[in-house]
Amino acid sequence: SWFRYTFVGEGGGKRVTLRVSGADPGYDETAKFLAETGRLLAACDDQDGGFHTPVSALGDALRERLEAQGIGFEWVDSDVEPV
């Protein structure tokens, strides 16, 4: 099995469409998300206190690790430049 999700974000007069895809989301990819997030959180010591989302705490490092594990991230359409 596999998955492909398309996310659309709008705000401030801008629109971004992103697609995330991978293998079996029930076991394979969930384990990759959890393991790579945990590895980065264990090594992360430069965050301010308070609540952070995975993106605000881990940013590009998490995306790069997930891509190395075979999870795809694709800019589909955007009014802004990809970062």
Protein backbone atom coordinates (compact mmCIF):
# COMPACT_ATOMS: atom_id res chain seq x y z
CA SER A 1 0.00 0.00 0.00
CA TRP A 2 0.99 3.64 -0.26
CA PHE A 3 -0.27 7.15 0.47
CA ARG A 4 -0.29 10.54 -1.21
CA TYR A 5 -1.72 13.56 0.59
CA THR A 6 -2.13 17.01 -0.91
CA PHE A 7 -2.11 19.92 1.52
CA VAL A 8 -3.29 23.44 0.68
CA GLY A 9 -2.40 26.38 2.91
CA GLU A 10 -3.75 29.89 2.51
CA GLY A 11 -2.98 33.05 4.42
CA GLY A 12 -1.97 36.63 3.91
CA GLY A 13 -3.17 36.54 0.32
CA LYS A 14 -0.82 33.64 -0.49
CA ARG A 15 -1.54 30.01 -1.36
CA VAL A 16 0.75 26.97 -1.14
CA THR A 17 0.01 23.41 -2.30
CA LEU A 18 2.30 20.60 -1.13
CA ARG A 19 2.13 16.83 -1.73
CA VAL A 20 3.55 14.25 0.69
CA SER A 21 3.82 10.60 -0.37
CA GLY A 22 5.27 7.31 0.75
CA ALA A 23 4.77 3.62 1.38
CA ASP A 24 2.39 1.98 3.88
CA PRO A 25 1.31 4.76 6.26
CA GLY A 26 0.08 2.32 8.89
CA TYR A 27 3.43 0.80 9.77
CA ASP A 28 6.39 1.68 7.56
CA GLU A 29 6.13 5.44 7.24
CA THR A 30 4.69 6.06 10.70
CA ALA A 31 7.74 4.35 12.20
CA LYS A 32 10.04 6.51 10.05
CA PHE A 33 8.28 9.73 11.12
CA LEU A 34 8.50 8.75 14.80
CA ALA A 35 12.09 7.49 14.70
CA GLU A 36 13.52 10.44 12.78
CA THR A 37 11.60 12.96 14.91
CA GLY A 38 12.83 11.27 18.10
CA ARG A 39 16.44 11.23 16.89
CA LEU A 40 16.31 14.94 16.12
CA LEU A 41 14.56 15.85 19.38
CA ALA A 42 17.19 13.92 21.36
CA ALA A 43 19.94 15.96 19.68
CA CYS A 44 18.09 19.30 19.87
CA ASP A 45 19.31 21.61 22.61
CA ASP A 46 18.94 25.09 21.12
CA GLN A 47 15.16 25.62 21.33
CA ASP A 48 13.48 28.19 23.54
CA GLY A 49 10.97 26.93 26.08
CA GLY A 50 7.31 26.51 25.37
CA PHE A 51 5.36 24.51 22.82
CA HIS A 52 6.73 23.77 19.37
CA THR A 53 5.29 21.91 16.40
CA PRO A 54 7.62 19.43 14.65
CA VAL A 55 8.22 22.01 11.92
CA SER A 56 8.99 24.91 14.25
CA ALA A 57 11.36 22.74 16.30
CA LEU A 58 12.98 20.62 13.59
CA GLY A 59 12.33 22.34 10.24
CA ASP A 60 14.39 21.31 7.23
CA ALA A 61 16.40 18.75 9.19
CA LEU A 62 13.30 16.57 9.64
CA ARG A 63 12.26 16.89 5.99
CA GLU A 64 15.78 15.97 4.84
CA ARG A 65 15.87 12.89 7.07
CA LEU A 66 12.43 11.76 5.91
CA GLU A 67 13.37 12.24 2.25
CA ALA A 68 16.47 10.10 2.86
CA GLN A 69 14.08 7.39 4.15
CA GLY A 70 12.00 7.52 0.94
CA ILE A 71 9.18 9.86 1.94
CA GLY A 72 8.45 12.35 -0.85
CA PHE A 73 7.75 16.07 -0.50
CA GLU A 74 6.70 17.95 -3.62
CA TRP A 75 5.77 21.61 -4.15
CA VAL A 76 2.72 21.40 -6.42
CA ASP A 77 1.78 25.07 -6.70
CA SER A 78 2.67 28.17 -4.77
CA ASP A 79 2.46 31.93 -4.70
CA VAL A 80 5.71 31.92 -2.66
CA GLU A 81 9.14 30.45 -3.26
CA PRO A 82 9.86 27.04 -1.66
CA VAL A 83 12.31 27.08 1.25
